[in-house]
Amino acid sequence: MSISTFDKDKTYIVYDGECPFCSRYVSFLRFREAVGPVLLVNARDDHPVVRHVEKRGVVLDREMALVHGGYIYSGHDCINRMALMSTASGAFNRMNAFVFASARISSLAYPPMRMFRNLTLRLLGKRPIREQQ
């Protein structure tokens, strides 16, 4: 993989590595065998997939992104799709699937989750992603 490209056949989750909630969330997810390897990418890093999703309009200070099968899912679509792709192994994954497998619940839950994330980052003294780069 060169510095300017990424492997479009792989699955990526782009999230804020400075956010304790985002980091824990993506580390607890267990994906089905059919998905294959899932690569976690910190949105604060200079990574080709970060540039790819930003060029397509994803604002990583407001939403995480899933890149899978040539598509980009962001925000509530991202958590909904990840819930559908994850296994039922473990209490966290079962709860995650129960809550976020519904597109409607995902769309209702995502804005308060984002607000809580932003407040937490502010209290921790973390700068927005855009100011990092």
N, C-alpha and C. Protein backbone atom coordinates (compact mmCIF):
# COMPACT_ATOMS: atom_id res chain seq x y z
N MET A 1 0.86 -1.17 0.00
CA MET A 1 0.00 0.00 0.00
C MET A 1 0.90 1.23 0.00
N SER A 2 0.68 2.11 -0.94
CA SER A 2 1.47 3.34 -0.96
C SER A 2 0.84 4.36 -0.01
N ILE A 3 1.56 5.42 0.24
CA ILE A 3 1.09 6.44 1.16
C ILE A 3 -0.13 7.20 0.62
N SER A 4 -0.35 7.16 -0.68
CA SER A 4 -1.46 7.92 -1.25
C SER A 4 -2.69 7.08 -1.57
N THR A 5 -2.61 5.77 -1.37
CA THR A 5 -3.75 4.91 -1.67
C THR A 5 -4.01 3.97 -0.50
N PHE A 6 -5.12 3.28 -0.57
CA PHE A 6 -5.43 2.25 0.41
C PHE A 6 -6.06 1.09 -0.33
N ASP A 7 -6.13 -0.05 0.31
CA ASP A 7 -6.66 -1.25 -0.30
C ASP A 7 -8.19 -1.20 -0.26
N LYS A 8 -8.80 -0.98 -1.40
CA LYS A 8 -10.26 -0.82 -1.48
C LYS A 8 -11.02 -2.12 -1.23
N ASP A 9 -10.32 -3.24 -1.18
CA ASP A 9 -10.96 -4.52 -0.91
C ASP A 9 -11.05 -4.83 0.59
N LYS A 10 -10.45 -3.99 1.40
CA LYS A 10 -10.49 -4.20 2.85
C LYS A 10 -11.57 -3.34 3.47
N THR A 11 -11.89 -3.65 4.71
CA THR A 11 -12.88 -2.91 5.46
C THR A 11 -12.16 -2.05 6.50
N TYR A 12 -12.55 -0.78 6.58
CA TYR A 12 -11.93 0.17 7.50
C TYR A 12 -12.99 0.83 8.37
N ILE A 13 -12.63 1.07 9.61
CA ILE A 13 -13.43 1.91 10.49
C ILE A 13 -12.55 3.11 10.82
N VAL A 14 -13.04 4.30 10.50
CA VAL A 14 -12.31 5.53 10.79
C VAL A 14 -13.01 6.19 11.96
N TYR A 15 -12.30 6.37 13.06
CA TYR A 15 -12.88 6.88 14.30
C TYR A 15 -11.89 7.82 14.97
N ASP A 16 -12.34 8.56 15.96
CA ASP A 16 -11.48 9.48 16.68
C ASP A 16 -10.74 8.72 17.78
N GLY A 17 -9.47 8.51 17.58
CA GLY A 17 -8.65 7.77 18.54
C GLY A 17 -8.45 8.50 19.86
N GLU A 18 -8.73 9.79 19.91
CA GLU A 18 -8.62 10.56 21.15
C GLU A 18 -9.87 10.43 22.01
N CYS A 19 -10.95 9.96 21.43
CA CYS A 19 -12.21 9.83 22.15
C CYS A 19 -12.24 8.48 22.87
N PRO A 20 -12.31 8.49 24.21
CA PRO A 20 -12.31 7.22 24.92
C PRO A 20 -13.51 6.34 24.59
N PHE A 21 -14.65 6.94 24.30
CA PHE A 21 -15.85 6.16 23.98
C PHE A 21 -15.74 5.53 22.60
N CYS A 22 -15.27 6.31 21.63
CA CYS A 22 -15.11 5.80 20.26
C CYS A 22 -14.09 4.66 20.24
N SER A 23 -12.98 4.85 20.92
CA SER A 23 -11.92 3.84 20.96
C SER A 23 -12.40 2.54 21.58
N ARG A 24 -13.10 2.63 22.69
CA ARG A 24 -13.61 1.43 23.35
C ARG A 24 -14.68 0.75 22.49
N TYR A 25 -15.53 1.55 21.90
CA TYR A 25 -16.61 1.01 21.06
C TYR A 25 -16.03 0.14 19.94
N VAL A 26 -15.10 0.70 19.18
CA VAL A 26 -14.57 -0.06 18.04
C VAL A 26 -13.72 -1.23 18.49
N SER A 27 -13.09 -1.14 19.67
CA SER A 27 -12.27 -2.27 20.13
C SER A 27 -13.13 -3.44 20.61
N PHE A 28 -14.35 -3.18 21.06
CA PHE A 28 -15.23 -4.25 21.53
C PHE A 28 -15.99 -4.95 20.41
N LEU A 29 -16.14 -4.32 19.27
CA LEU A 29 -16.91 -4.92 18.18
C LEU A 29 -16.22 -6.18 17.66
N ARG A 30 -17.01 -7.18 17.38
CA ARG A 30 -16.52 -8.42 16.78
C ARG A 30 -17.30 -8.63 15.49
N PHE A 31 -16.58 -8.67 14.39
CA PHE A 31 -17.23 -8.79 13.09
C PHE A 31 -17.31 -10.23 12.63
N ARG A 32 -18.33 -10.50 11.84
CA ARG A 32 -18.53 -11.84 11.27
C ARG A 32 -17.36 -12.22 10.38
N GLU A 33 -17.14 -13.51 10.28
CA GLU A 33 -16.07 -14.03 9.43
C GLU A 33 -16.21 -13.55 7.98
N ALA A 34 -17.43 -13.40 7.50
CA ALA A 34 -17.67 -13.00 6.11
C ALA A 34 -17.12 -11.62 5.79
N VAL A 35 -16.98 -10.78 6.79
CA VAL A 35 -16.49 -9.42 6.56
C VAL A 35 -15.00 -9.42 6.27
N GLY A 36 -14.27 -10.36 6.86
CA GLY A 36 -12.83 -10.39 6.72
C GLY A 36 -12.18 -9.42 7.68
N PRO A 37 -10.91 -9.14 7.51
CA PRO A 37 -10.22 -8.25 8.44
C PRO A 37 -10.82 -6.84 8.42
N VAL A 38 -10.93 -6.26 9.59
CA VAL A 38 -11.40 -4.89 9.72
C VAL A 38 -10.25 -4.08 10.30
N LEU A 39 -9.85 -3.04 9.58
CA LEU A 39 -8.73 -2.22 10.00
C LEU A 39 -9.25 -0.96 10.68
N LEU A 40 -8.76 -0.70 11.88
CA LEU A 40 -9.15 0.49 12.63
C LEU A 40 -8.17 1.61 12.31
N VAL A 41 -8.71 2.78 11.93
CA VAL A 41 -7.87 3.91 11.55
C VAL A 41 -8.27 5.12 12.39
N ASN A 42 -7.28 5.68 13.07
CA ASN A 42 -7.50 6.89 13.85
C ASN A 42 -7.69 8.06 12.89
N ALA A 43 -8.80 8.76 13.01
CA ALA A 43 -9.11 9.88 12.12
C ALA A 43 -8.11 11.02 12.26
N ARG A 44 -7.33 11.02 13.32
CA ARG A 44 -6.32 12.06 13.53
C ARG A 44 -5.01 11.76 12.82
N ASP A 45 -4.89 10.56 12.26
CA ASP A 45 -3.67 10.18 11.55
C ASP A 45 -3.76 10.60 10.08
N ASP A 46 -2.59 10.81 9.49
CA ASP A 46 -2.54 11.10 8.06
C ASP A 46 -2.53 9.77 7.32
N HIS A 47 -3.71 9.25 7.08
CA HIS A 47 -3.88 7.94 6.46
C HIS A 47 -4.68 8.10 5.17
N PRO A 48 -4.37 7.35 4.13
CA PRO A 48 -5.10 7.48 2.86
C PRO A 48 -6.61 7.32 2.99
N VAL A 49 -7.08 6.42 3.85
CA VAL A 49 -8.52 6.22 3.98
C VAL A 49 -9.17 7.43 4.68
N VAL A 50 -8.43 8.10 5.56
CA VAL A 50 -8.96 9.33 6.18
C VAL A 50 -9.17 10.39 5.10
N ARG A 51 -8.18 10.57 4.26
CA ARG A 51 -8.31 11.55 3.16
C ARG A 51 -9.44 11.15 2.21
N HIS A 52 -9.59 9.85 1.96
CA HIS A 52 -10.64 9.34 1.06
C HIS A 52 -12.04 9.72 1.57
N VAL A 53 -12.31 9.45 2.84
CA VAL A 53 -13.65 9.73 3.36
C VAL A 53 -13.90 11.23 3.47
N GLU A 54 -12.87 12.00 3.82
CA GLU A 54 -13.04 13.45 3.90
C GLU A 54 -13.32 14.06 2.53
N LYS A 55 -12.66 13.56 1.50
CA LYS A 55 -12.90 14.06 0.14
C LYS A 55 -14.34 13.79 -0.31
N ARG A 56 -14.96 12.81 0.28
CA ARG A 56 -16.33 12.46 -0.07
C ARG A 56 -17.35 13.06 0.90
N GLY A 57 -16.91 14.03 1.68
CA GLY A 57 -17.84 14.81 2.49
C GLY A 57 -18.05 14.37 3.93
N VAL A 58 -17.34 13.36 4.39
CA VAL A 58 -17.49 12.93 5.79
C VAL A 58 -16.71 13.91 6.67
N VAL A 59 -17.37 14.46 7.66
CA VAL A 59 -16.73 15.38 8.61
C VAL A 59 -16.42 14.56 9.86
N LEU A 60 -15.15 14.19 10.02
CA LEU A 60 -14.76 13.25 11.05
C LEU A 60 -14.84 13.82 12.47
N ASP A 61 -15.02 15.12 12.61
CA ASP A 61 -15.30 15.69 13.93
C ASP A 61 -16.75 15.46 14.33
N ARG A 62 -17.58 15.10 13.38
CA ARG A 62 -19.01 14.89 13.66
C ARG A 62 -19.45 13.45 13.52
N GLU A 63 -18.65 12.62 12.83
CA GLU A 63 -19.11 11.26 12.56
C GLU A 63 -17.94 10.32 12.30
N MET A 64 -18.14 9.09 12.69
CA MET A 64 -17.17 8.06 12.34
C MET A 64 -17.58 7.48 10.98
N ALA A 65 -16.70 6.70 10.38
CA ALA A 65 -17.00 6.17 9.05
C ALA A 65 -16.59 4.71 8.95
N LEU A 66 -17.36 3.99 8.16
CA LEU A 66 -17.07 2.61 7.80
C LEU A 66 -16.90 2.58 6.29
N VAL A 67 -15.78 2.06 5.83
CA VAL A 67 -15.53 1.90 4.40
C VAL A 67 -15.56 0.40 4.14
N HIS A 68 -16.54 -0.02 3.33
CA HIS A 68 -16.73 -1.46 3.10
C HIS A 68 -17.37 -1.68 1.74
N GLY A 69 -16.79 -2.55 0.96
CA GLY A 69 -17.36 -2.93 -0.32
C GLY A 69 -17.54 -1.75 -1.27
N GLY A 70 -16.65 -0.80 -1.22
CA GLY A 70 -16.74 0.35 -2.11
C GLY A 70 -17.67 1.45 -1.64
N TYR A 71 -18.28 1.27 -0.48
CA TYR A 71 -19.21 2.26 0.06
C TYR A 71 -18.65 2.89 1.32
N ILE A 72 -19.10 4.10 1.59
CA ILE A 72 -18.76 4.79 2.83
C ILE A 72 -20.05 4.99 3.61
N TYR A 73 -20.07 4.48 4.83
CA TYR A 73 -21.20 4.67 5.73
C TYR A 73 -20.69 5.57 6.85
N SER A 74 -21.42 6.62 7.16
CA SER A 74 -20.95 7.52 8.22
C SER A 74 -22.09 7.84 9.19
N GLY A 75 -21.68 8.31 10.37
CA GLY A 75 -22.65 8.69 11.38
C GLY A 75 -23.53 7.53 11.79
N HIS A 76 -24.84 7.79 11.83
CA HIS A 76 -25.78 6.75 12.27
C HIS A 76 -25.82 5.58 11.30
N ASP A 77 -25.58 5.82 10.00
CA ASP A 77 -25.52 4.70 9.05
C ASP A 77 -24.33 3.78 9.36
N CYS A 78 -23.25 4.38 9.84
CA CYS A 78 -22.06 3.61 10.19
C CYS A 78 -22.35 2.68 11.37
N ILE A 79 -22.92 3.20 12.46
CA ILE A 79 -23.16 2.33 13.62
C ILE A 79 -24.23 1.28 13.31
N ASN A 80 -25.20 1.64 12.47
CA ASN A 80 -26.21 0.68 12.06
C ASN A 80 -25.57 -0.46 11.25
N ARG A 81 -24.76 -0.12 10.28
CA ARG A 81 -24.11 -1.12 9.44
C ARG A 81 -23.15 -1.99 10.26
N MET A 82 -22.41 -1.37 11.18
CA MET A 82 -21.49 -2.16 12.03
C MET A 82 -22.26 -3.14 12.90
N ALA A 83 -23.42 -2.72 13.41
CA ALA A 83 -24.24 -3.62 14.22
C ALA A 83 -24.72 -4.80 13.38
N LEU A 84 -25.07 -4.55 12.13
CA LEU A 84 -25.54 -5.62 11.25
C LEU A 84 -24.41 -6.57 10.86
N MET A 85 -23.18 -6.06 10.83
CA MET A 85 -22.03 -6.86 10.42
C MET A 85 -21.36 -7.60 11.58
N SER A 86 -21.67 -7.22 12.80
CA SER A 86 -20.97 -7.81 13.94
C SER A 86 -21.62 -9.12 14.37
N THR A 87 -20.85 -9.89 15.11
CA THR A 87 -21.33 -11.18 15.60
C THR A 87 -22.20 -10.97 16.84
N ALA A 88 -22.80 -12.03 17.31
CA ALA A 88 -23.59 -11.99 18.54
C ALA A 88 -22.77 -12.50 19.72
N SER A 89 -21.44 -12.59 19.54
CA SER A 89 -20.60 -13.11 20.62
C SER A 89 -20.34 -12.02 21.65
N GLY A 90 -20.61 -12.34 22.89
CA GLY A 90 -20.37 -11.41 23.97
C GLY A 90 -21.55 -10.49 24.23
N ALA A 91 -21.66 -10.07 25.47
CA ALA A 91 -22.77 -9.22 25.89
C ALA A 91 -22.77 -7.88 25.15
N PHE A 92 -21.60 -7.28 24.98
CA PHE A 92 -21.53 -5.98 24.30
C PHE A 92 -22.07 -6.09 22.88
N ASN A 93 -21.65 -7.09 22.13
CA ASN A 93 -22.07 -7.24 20.74
C ASN A 93 -23.56 -7.57 20.63
N ARG A 94 -24.07 -8.35 21.55
CA ARG A 94 -25.51 -8.64 21.54
C ARG A 94 -26.30 -7.37 21.81
N MET A 95 -25.87 -6.58 22.81
CA MET A 95 -26.56 -5.33 23.12
C MET A 95 -26.45 -4.34 21.95
N ASN A 96 -25.26 -4.25 21.37
CA ASN A 96 -25.04 -3.35 20.24
C ASN A 96 -25.96 -3.73 19.07
N ALA A 97 -26.04 -5.01 18.77
CA ALA A 97 -26.91 -5.47 17.68
C ALA A 97 -28.37 -5.20 18.00
N PHE A 98 -28.77 -5.42 19.24
CA PHE A 98 -30.15 -5.21 19.65
C PHE A 98 -30.55 -3.74 19.47
N VAL A 99 -29.67 -2.83 19.85
CA VAL A 99 -29.99 -1.39 19.79
C VAL A 99 -29.80 -0.83 18.38
N PHE A 100 -28.64 -1.04 17.80
CA PHE A 100 -28.28 -0.33 16.57
C PHE A 100 -28.59 -1.07 15.28
N ALA A 101 -29.12 -2.28 15.34
CA ALA A 101 -29.52 -2.97 14.11
C ALA A 101 -30.74 -2.28 13.50
N SER A 102 -31.41 -1.46 14.26
CA SER A 102 -32.53 -0.67 13.75
C SER A 102 -31.99 0.66 13.21
N ALA A 103 -32.24 0.93 11.94
CA ALA A 103 -31.80 2.19 11.34
C ALA A 103 -32.45 3.38 12.04
N ARG A 104 -33.70 3.23 12.43
CA ARG A 104 -34.42 4.33 13.11
C ARG A 104 -33.80 4.64 14.47
N ILE A 105 -33.56 3.61 15.25
CA ILE A 105 -32.96 3.84 16.57
C ILE A 105 -31.55 4.42 16.42
N SER A 106 -30.79 3.93 15.45
CA SER A 106 -29.45 4.46 15.21
C SER A 106 -29.51 5.95 14.88
N SER A 107 -30.46 6.34 14.05
CA SER A 107 -30.56 7.76 13.66
C SER A 107 -30.99 8.64 14.84
N LEU A 108 -31.78 8.09 15.75
CA LEU A 108 -32.21 8.85 16.92
C LEU A 108 -31.12 8.91 18.00
N ALA A 109 -30.36 7.84 18.13
CA ALA A 109 -29.35 7.76 19.19
C ALA A 109 -28.06 8.48 18.83
N TYR A 110 -27.75 8.60 17.55
CA TYR A 110 -26.44 9.13 17.17
C TYR A 110 -26.22 10.60 17.58
N PRO A 111 -27.18 11.51 17.39
CA PRO A 111 -26.92 12.90 17.80
C PRO A 111 -26.59 13.08 19.28
N PRO A 112 -27.32 12.45 20.22
CA PRO A 112 -26.91 12.59 21.62
C PRO A 112 -25.54 11.95 21.91
N MET A 113 -25.24 10.85 21.23
CA MET A 113 -23.93 10.23 21.40
C MET A 113 -22.83 11.18 20.93
N ARG A 114 -23.05 11.83 19.80
CA ARG A 114 -22.07 12.79 19.27
C ARG A 114 -21.91 13.98 20.22
N MET A 115 -23.02 14.47 20.78
CA MET A 115 -22.96 15.59 21.72
C MET A 115 -22.16 15.19 22.96
N PHE A 116 -22.39 14.00 23.48
CA PHE A 116 -21.67 13.52 24.65
C PHE A 116 -20.18 13.36 24.33
N ARG A 117 -19.85 12.86 23.15
CA ARG A 117 -18.46 12.73 22.72
C ARG A 117 -17.79 14.09 22.68
N ASN A 118 -18.45 15.06 22.05
CA ASN A 118 -17.86 16.40 21.94
C ASN A 118 -17.64 17.04 23.30
N LEU A 119 -18.60 16.90 24.19
CA LEU A 119 -18.48 17.45 25.54
C LEU A 119 -17.31 16.78 26.28
N THR A 120 -17.22 15.48 26.17
CA THR A 120 -16.14 14.75 26.84
C THR A 120 -14.78 15.18 26.32
N LEU A 121 -14.64 15.30 25.00
CA LEU A 121 -13.36 15.74 24.43
C LEU A 121 -12.99 17.14 24.90
N ARG A 122 -13.98 18.01 24.97
CA ARG A 122 -13.75 19.37 25.45
C ARG A 122 -13.26 19.34 26.91
N LEU A 123 -13.93 18.54 27.75
CA LEU A 123 -13.54 18.43 29.16
C LEU A 123 -12.15 17.83 29.33
N LEU A 124 -11.76 16.95 28.42
CA LEU A 124 -10.43 16.35 28.45
C LEU A 124 -9.36 17.24 27.83
N GLY A 125 -9.78 18.38 27.28
CA GLY A 125 -8.83 19.31 26.66
C GLY A 125 -8.33 18.88 25.30
N LYS A 126 -9.07 18.02 24.64
CA LYS A 126 -8.69 17.53 23.30
C LYS A 126 -9.18 18.50 22.23
N ARG A 127 -8.32 18.76 21.27
CA ARG A 127 -8.69 19.64 20.17
C ARG A 127 -9.48 18.89 19.11
N PRO A 128 -10.32 19.61 18.35
CA PRO A 128 -11.02 18.96 17.24
C PRO A 128 -10.02 18.38 16.23
N ILE A 129 -10.43 17.37 15.50
CA ILE A 129 -9.58 16.70 14.53
C ILE A 129 -9.01 17.69 13.52
N ARG A 130 -9.83 18.56 13.00
CA ARG A 130 -9.39 19.52 11.99
C ARG A 130 -8.26 20.40 12.51
N GLU A 131 -8.28 20.75 13.79
CA GLU A 131 -7.21 21.59 14.36
C GLU A 131 -5.93 20.80 14.55
N GLN A 132 -6.01 19.48 14.63
CA GLN A 132 -4.85 18.62 14.81
C GLN A 132 -3.99 18.61 13.55
N GLN A 133 -4.64 18.67 12.39
CA GLN A 133 -3.93 18.42 11.13
C GLN A 133 -3.34 19.67 10.56
